N, C-alpha and C. Protein backbone atom coordinates (compact mmCIF):
# COMPACT_ATOMS: atom_id res chain seq x y z
N MET A 1 -25.67 -5.15 -14.42
CA MET A 1 -25.30 -4.79 -15.78
C MET A 1 -24.36 -3.58 -15.75
N ALA A 2 -23.38 -3.61 -16.60
CA ALA A 2 -22.43 -2.51 -16.71
C ALA A 2 -23.11 -1.32 -17.40
N PRO A 3 -22.60 -0.10 -17.15
CA PRO A 3 -23.20 1.09 -17.75
C PRO A 3 -23.32 1.01 -19.27
N GLU A 4 -22.34 0.44 -19.92
CA GLU A 4 -22.39 0.37 -21.39
C GLU A 4 -23.50 -0.56 -21.87
N MET A 5 -23.83 -1.55 -21.08
CA MET A 5 -24.96 -2.43 -21.45
C MET A 5 -26.29 -1.72 -21.20
N VAL A 6 -26.37 -1.04 -20.07
CA VAL A 6 -27.60 -0.30 -19.75
C VAL A 6 -27.90 0.72 -20.85
N ALA A 7 -26.84 1.39 -21.34
CA ALA A 7 -27.00 2.41 -22.38
C ALA A 7 -27.10 1.81 -23.78
N LYS A 8 -26.99 0.49 -23.87
CA LYS A 8 -27.06 -0.21 -25.16
C LYS A 8 -26.03 0.31 -26.16
N ARG A 9 -24.79 0.52 -25.64
CA ARG A 9 -23.69 1.00 -26.49
C ARG A 9 -22.78 -0.13 -26.95
N GLY A 10 -23.15 -1.35 -26.67
CA GLY A 10 -22.26 -2.46 -26.98
C GLY A 10 -21.28 -2.64 -25.84
N HIS A 11 -20.52 -3.72 -25.90
CA HIS A 11 -19.58 -3.96 -24.81
C HIS A 11 -18.42 -4.82 -25.29
N CYS A 12 -17.40 -4.86 -24.45
CA CYS A 12 -16.20 -5.64 -24.72
C CYS A 12 -15.81 -6.36 -23.43
N GLN A 13 -14.58 -6.80 -23.32
CA GLN A 13 -14.15 -7.54 -22.14
C GLN A 13 -14.23 -6.70 -20.86
N ALA A 14 -14.30 -5.38 -20.99
CA ALA A 14 -14.39 -4.52 -19.81
C ALA A 14 -15.62 -4.85 -18.97
N ILE A 15 -16.63 -5.42 -19.59
CA ILE A 15 -17.84 -5.79 -18.87
C ILE A 15 -17.54 -6.87 -17.82
N ASP A 16 -16.58 -7.72 -18.11
CA ASP A 16 -16.20 -8.77 -17.16
C ASP A 16 -15.55 -8.16 -15.91
N TRP A 17 -14.77 -7.11 -16.11
CA TRP A 17 -14.13 -6.46 -14.96
C TRP A 17 -15.17 -5.73 -14.12
N TRP A 18 -16.20 -5.17 -14.78
CA TRP A 18 -17.32 -4.56 -14.04
C TRP A 18 -17.97 -5.64 -13.17
N ALA A 19 -18.26 -6.79 -13.77
CA ALA A 19 -18.91 -7.88 -13.03
C ALA A 19 -18.06 -8.32 -11.84
N LEU A 20 -16.75 -8.40 -12.03
CA LEU A 20 -15.86 -8.76 -10.92
C LEU A 20 -15.96 -7.73 -9.81
N GLY A 21 -15.99 -6.45 -10.15
CA GLY A 21 -16.13 -5.40 -9.14
C GLY A 21 -17.43 -5.52 -8.37
N ILE A 22 -18.52 -5.81 -9.07
CA ILE A 22 -19.82 -5.99 -8.41
C ILE A 22 -19.77 -7.17 -7.44
N ILE A 23 -19.21 -8.28 -7.89
CA ILE A 23 -19.13 -9.47 -7.04
C ILE A 23 -18.28 -9.20 -5.81
N LEU A 24 -17.12 -8.56 -5.98
CA LEU A 24 -16.27 -8.24 -4.83
C LEU A 24 -16.99 -7.32 -3.85
N PHE A 25 -17.68 -6.32 -4.36
CA PHE A 25 -18.44 -5.41 -3.49
C PHE A 25 -19.47 -6.20 -2.69
N GLU A 26 -20.23 -7.06 -3.36
CA GLU A 26 -21.27 -7.83 -2.69
C GLU A 26 -20.69 -8.79 -1.65
N ILE A 27 -19.56 -9.40 -1.94
CA ILE A 27 -18.91 -10.29 -0.97
C ILE A 27 -18.45 -9.50 0.25
N LEU A 28 -17.84 -8.36 0.01
CA LEU A 28 -17.28 -7.56 1.09
C LEU A 28 -18.36 -6.93 1.97
N PHE A 29 -19.44 -6.44 1.37
CA PHE A 29 -20.43 -5.68 2.13
C PHE A 29 -21.77 -6.38 2.31
N GLY A 30 -22.06 -7.40 1.52
CA GLY A 30 -23.30 -8.13 1.68
C GLY A 30 -24.50 -7.53 0.97
N PHE A 31 -24.28 -6.54 0.14
CA PHE A 31 -25.37 -5.96 -0.65
C PHE A 31 -24.79 -5.40 -1.94
N THR A 32 -25.66 -5.16 -2.91
CA THR A 32 -25.22 -4.65 -4.20
C THR A 32 -25.00 -3.14 -4.14
N PRO A 33 -24.04 -2.62 -4.87
CA PRO A 33 -23.73 -1.19 -4.76
C PRO A 33 -24.77 -0.26 -5.36
N PHE A 34 -25.57 -0.70 -6.28
CA PHE A 34 -26.54 0.18 -6.94
C PHE A 34 -27.96 -0.31 -6.68
N LEU A 35 -28.24 -0.59 -5.43
CA LEU A 35 -29.54 -1.09 -5.01
C LEU A 35 -30.62 -0.04 -5.25
N ALA A 36 -31.75 -0.47 -5.78
CA ALA A 36 -32.87 0.44 -6.05
C ALA A 36 -34.18 -0.35 -6.04
N ALA A 37 -35.28 0.38 -5.88
CA ALA A 37 -36.60 -0.26 -5.80
C ALA A 37 -37.08 -0.78 -7.16
N THR A 38 -36.69 -0.10 -8.22
CA THR A 38 -37.14 -0.51 -9.55
C THR A 38 -35.95 -0.70 -10.48
N LYS A 39 -36.19 -1.41 -11.56
CA LYS A 39 -35.15 -1.63 -12.57
C LYS A 39 -34.69 -0.30 -13.16
N GLU A 40 -35.63 0.59 -13.41
CA GLU A 40 -35.30 1.89 -14.00
C GLU A 40 -34.39 2.71 -13.07
N GLU A 41 -34.73 2.71 -11.77
CA GLU A 41 -33.90 3.42 -10.79
C GLU A 41 -32.50 2.80 -10.71
N ARG A 42 -32.44 1.47 -10.74
CA ARG A 42 -31.14 0.78 -10.69
C ARG A 42 -30.30 1.14 -11.90
N PHE A 43 -30.91 1.14 -13.09
CA PHE A 43 -30.18 1.49 -14.30
C PHE A 43 -29.68 2.93 -14.24
N GLU A 44 -30.48 3.82 -13.71
CA GLU A 44 -30.08 5.22 -13.55
C GLU A 44 -28.86 5.32 -12.62
N LYS A 45 -28.91 4.60 -11.51
CA LYS A 45 -27.79 4.61 -10.56
C LYS A 45 -26.52 4.03 -11.20
N ILE A 46 -26.68 2.94 -11.92
CA ILE A 46 -25.52 2.32 -12.57
C ILE A 46 -24.85 3.31 -13.51
N GLN A 47 -25.65 4.06 -14.23
CA GLN A 47 -25.08 4.99 -15.22
C GLN A 47 -24.57 6.29 -14.61
N HIS A 48 -25.18 6.77 -13.52
CA HIS A 48 -24.88 8.14 -13.10
C HIS A 48 -24.47 8.32 -11.64
N GLU A 49 -24.81 7.39 -10.77
CA GLU A 49 -24.51 7.60 -9.35
C GLU A 49 -23.07 7.22 -9.03
N LYS A 50 -22.42 8.06 -8.24
CA LYS A 50 -21.07 7.77 -7.79
C LYS A 50 -21.10 6.57 -6.84
N LEU A 51 -20.13 5.69 -6.97
CA LEU A 51 -20.04 4.51 -6.11
C LEU A 51 -19.83 4.96 -4.68
N LYS A 52 -20.60 4.38 -3.76
CA LYS A 52 -20.50 4.72 -2.34
C LYS A 52 -20.12 3.47 -1.56
N PHE A 53 -19.17 3.66 -0.65
CA PHE A 53 -18.75 2.59 0.25
C PHE A 53 -19.23 2.92 1.66
N PRO A 54 -19.49 1.89 2.48
CA PRO A 54 -19.77 2.17 3.89
C PRO A 54 -18.57 2.90 4.51
N SER A 55 -18.77 3.52 5.65
CA SER A 55 -17.71 4.28 6.32
C SER A 55 -16.44 3.45 6.44
N ARG A 56 -15.31 4.07 6.06
CA ARG A 56 -14.03 3.35 6.07
C ARG A 56 -13.06 3.92 7.10
N SER A 57 -13.56 4.60 8.11
CA SER A 57 -12.68 5.31 9.04
C SER A 57 -11.73 4.40 9.81
N ASN A 58 -12.12 3.19 10.13
CA ASN A 58 -11.25 2.31 10.91
C ASN A 58 -10.82 1.07 10.13
N TRP A 59 -10.76 1.15 8.83
CA TRP A 59 -10.39 0.01 8.02
C TRP A 59 -8.88 -0.16 7.95
N THR A 60 -8.46 -1.38 7.74
CA THR A 60 -7.04 -1.67 7.57
C THR A 60 -6.59 -1.22 6.18
N ALA A 61 -5.29 -1.20 5.98
CA ALA A 61 -4.74 -0.84 4.67
C ALA A 61 -5.21 -1.84 3.61
N ALA A 62 -5.30 -3.12 3.96
CA ALA A 62 -5.75 -4.15 3.01
C ALA A 62 -7.20 -3.90 2.60
N GLN A 63 -8.04 -3.51 3.54
CA GLN A 63 -9.43 -3.20 3.22
C GLN A 63 -9.52 -1.97 2.33
N GLN A 64 -8.70 -0.97 2.61
CA GLN A 64 -8.66 0.24 1.78
C GLN A 64 -8.22 -0.11 0.36
N ASP A 65 -7.21 -0.97 0.26
CA ASP A 65 -6.74 -1.40 -1.07
C ASP A 65 -7.84 -2.14 -1.83
N LEU A 66 -8.58 -2.99 -1.14
CA LEU A 66 -9.65 -3.73 -1.80
C LEU A 66 -10.73 -2.77 -2.30
N CYS A 67 -11.05 -1.75 -1.52
CA CYS A 67 -12.04 -0.76 -1.97
C CYS A 67 -11.51 0.01 -3.17
N ASP A 68 -10.22 0.30 -3.18
CA ASP A 68 -9.63 0.99 -4.33
C ASP A 68 -9.74 0.12 -5.58
N LEU A 69 -9.47 -1.17 -5.44
CA LEU A 69 -9.60 -2.09 -6.57
C LEU A 69 -11.04 -2.11 -7.08
N ILE A 70 -11.99 -2.24 -6.17
CA ILE A 70 -13.41 -2.27 -6.55
C ILE A 70 -13.78 -0.97 -7.26
N ASP A 71 -13.34 0.14 -6.72
CA ASP A 71 -13.64 1.44 -7.32
C ASP A 71 -13.11 1.51 -8.76
N LYS A 72 -11.94 0.98 -9.00
CA LYS A 72 -11.35 1.01 -10.34
C LYS A 72 -12.01 0.01 -11.29
N LEU A 73 -12.52 -1.09 -10.74
CA LEU A 73 -13.25 -2.06 -11.57
C LEU A 73 -14.64 -1.55 -11.92
N LEU A 74 -15.20 -0.68 -11.07
CA LEU A 74 -16.54 -0.14 -11.30
C LEU A 74 -16.49 1.26 -11.90
N GLU A 75 -15.43 1.54 -12.62
CA GLU A 75 -15.33 2.79 -13.40
C GLU A 75 -16.43 2.76 -14.46
N LYS A 76 -17.21 3.82 -14.52
CA LYS A 76 -18.34 3.85 -15.46
C LYS A 76 -17.91 3.91 -16.92
N ASP A 77 -16.79 4.56 -17.19
CA ASP A 77 -16.26 4.63 -18.55
C ASP A 77 -15.46 3.35 -18.83
N ALA A 78 -15.99 2.49 -19.65
CA ALA A 78 -15.36 1.20 -19.92
C ALA A 78 -13.92 1.34 -20.42
N SER A 79 -13.63 2.39 -21.16
CA SER A 79 -12.28 2.56 -21.70
C SER A 79 -11.27 2.92 -20.61
N LYS A 80 -11.75 3.39 -19.45
CA LYS A 80 -10.88 3.75 -18.34
C LYS A 80 -10.90 2.71 -17.22
N ARG A 81 -11.74 1.72 -17.35
CA ARG A 81 -11.89 0.69 -16.31
C ARG A 81 -10.60 -0.11 -16.20
N LEU A 82 -10.20 -0.41 -14.98
CA LEU A 82 -9.00 -1.21 -14.75
C LEU A 82 -9.14 -2.55 -15.47
N GLY A 83 -8.11 -2.93 -16.19
CA GLY A 83 -8.13 -4.17 -16.95
C GLY A 83 -8.54 -4.00 -18.39
N SER A 84 -8.94 -2.77 -18.75
CA SER A 84 -9.42 -2.52 -20.11
C SER A 84 -8.37 -1.93 -21.02
N GLY A 85 -7.22 -1.62 -20.47
CA GLY A 85 -6.15 -1.02 -21.26
C GLY A 85 -5.33 -2.07 -21.97
N PRO A 86 -4.23 -1.65 -22.54
CA PRO A 86 -3.39 -2.58 -23.31
C PRO A 86 -2.78 -3.69 -22.44
N GLY A 87 -2.71 -3.45 -21.13
CA GLY A 87 -2.15 -4.47 -20.24
C GLY A 87 -3.18 -5.49 -19.79
N ASP A 88 -4.41 -5.33 -20.20
CA ASP A 88 -5.56 -6.17 -19.85
C ASP A 88 -5.50 -6.68 -18.42
N TYR A 89 -5.64 -7.97 -18.19
CA TYR A 89 -5.71 -8.49 -16.82
C TYR A 89 -4.44 -8.21 -16.03
N ARG A 90 -3.32 -8.00 -16.71
CA ARG A 90 -2.06 -7.72 -16.01
C ARG A 90 -2.14 -6.39 -15.26
N GLU A 91 -2.96 -5.45 -15.75
CA GLU A 91 -3.18 -4.20 -15.02
C GLU A 91 -3.78 -4.50 -13.65
N ILE A 92 -4.72 -5.41 -13.62
CA ILE A 92 -5.38 -5.76 -12.37
C ILE A 92 -4.38 -6.43 -11.43
N LEU A 93 -3.56 -7.32 -11.96
CA LEU A 93 -2.59 -8.03 -11.12
C LEU A 93 -1.51 -7.10 -10.56
N GLN A 94 -1.36 -5.90 -11.13
CA GLN A 94 -0.40 -4.93 -10.62
C GLN A 94 -0.95 -4.15 -9.42
N HIS A 95 -2.24 -4.30 -9.16
CA HIS A 95 -2.87 -3.57 -8.06
C HIS A 95 -2.31 -4.07 -6.73
N PRO A 96 -2.16 -3.19 -5.73
CA PRO A 96 -1.62 -3.59 -4.42
C PRO A 96 -2.32 -4.78 -3.75
N VAL A 97 -3.59 -5.00 -4.06
CA VAL A 97 -4.30 -6.15 -3.48
C VAL A 97 -3.57 -7.45 -3.80
N PHE A 98 -2.93 -7.50 -4.95
CA PHE A 98 -2.29 -8.73 -5.41
C PHE A 98 -0.77 -8.71 -5.23
N GLN A 99 -0.25 -7.81 -4.42
CA GLN A 99 1.21 -7.65 -4.30
C GLN A 99 1.91 -8.91 -3.81
N ASN A 100 1.25 -9.72 -3.01
CA ASN A 100 1.88 -10.94 -2.49
C ASN A 100 1.44 -12.20 -3.23
N LEU A 101 0.76 -12.03 -4.34
CA LEU A 101 0.27 -13.17 -5.12
C LEU A 101 1.33 -13.60 -6.13
N ASP A 102 1.68 -14.85 -6.09
CA ASP A 102 2.59 -15.41 -7.08
C ASP A 102 1.72 -16.03 -8.18
N ILE A 103 1.50 -15.28 -9.24
CA ILE A 103 0.59 -15.72 -10.29
C ILE A 103 1.05 -17.01 -10.95
N GLU A 104 2.33 -17.26 -11.00
CA GLU A 104 2.82 -18.50 -11.59
C GLU A 104 2.40 -19.72 -10.74
N LYS A 105 2.41 -19.55 -9.43
CA LYS A 105 1.94 -20.63 -8.57
C LYS A 105 0.44 -20.86 -8.75
N VAL A 106 -0.30 -19.78 -8.95
CA VAL A 106 -1.73 -19.89 -9.20
C VAL A 106 -1.97 -20.65 -10.50
N LYS A 107 -1.22 -20.29 -11.53
CA LYS A 107 -1.39 -20.94 -12.83
C LYS A 107 -1.08 -22.43 -12.78
N THR A 108 -0.10 -22.81 -11.98
CA THR A 108 0.28 -24.23 -11.89
C THR A 108 -0.44 -24.97 -10.76
N LYS A 109 -1.32 -24.25 -10.10
CA LYS A 109 -2.13 -24.82 -9.00
C LYS A 109 -1.26 -25.35 -7.90
């Protein structure tokens, strides 16, 4: 759950970008970023704990870029979360992770 849902402040499309960040983190590392023994502890971490990545000392530039994308998708303030601004999903596509992606080819399959 995104911080805004945990706090019961309502939500918008930014919640989808949070979910994408969680999924990418879990795919990359094999565990959830805000793991806790209880639901209450997990909700506390989601709202207040800084996102932590495993050691990145020997990672490639592509891996560093992916962590940067995840970090921006897991911004706790929904209004500052990547993809939540006026450029919506286009903000995300401008990230270096997608620099070699031809979105038109993706759209036309």
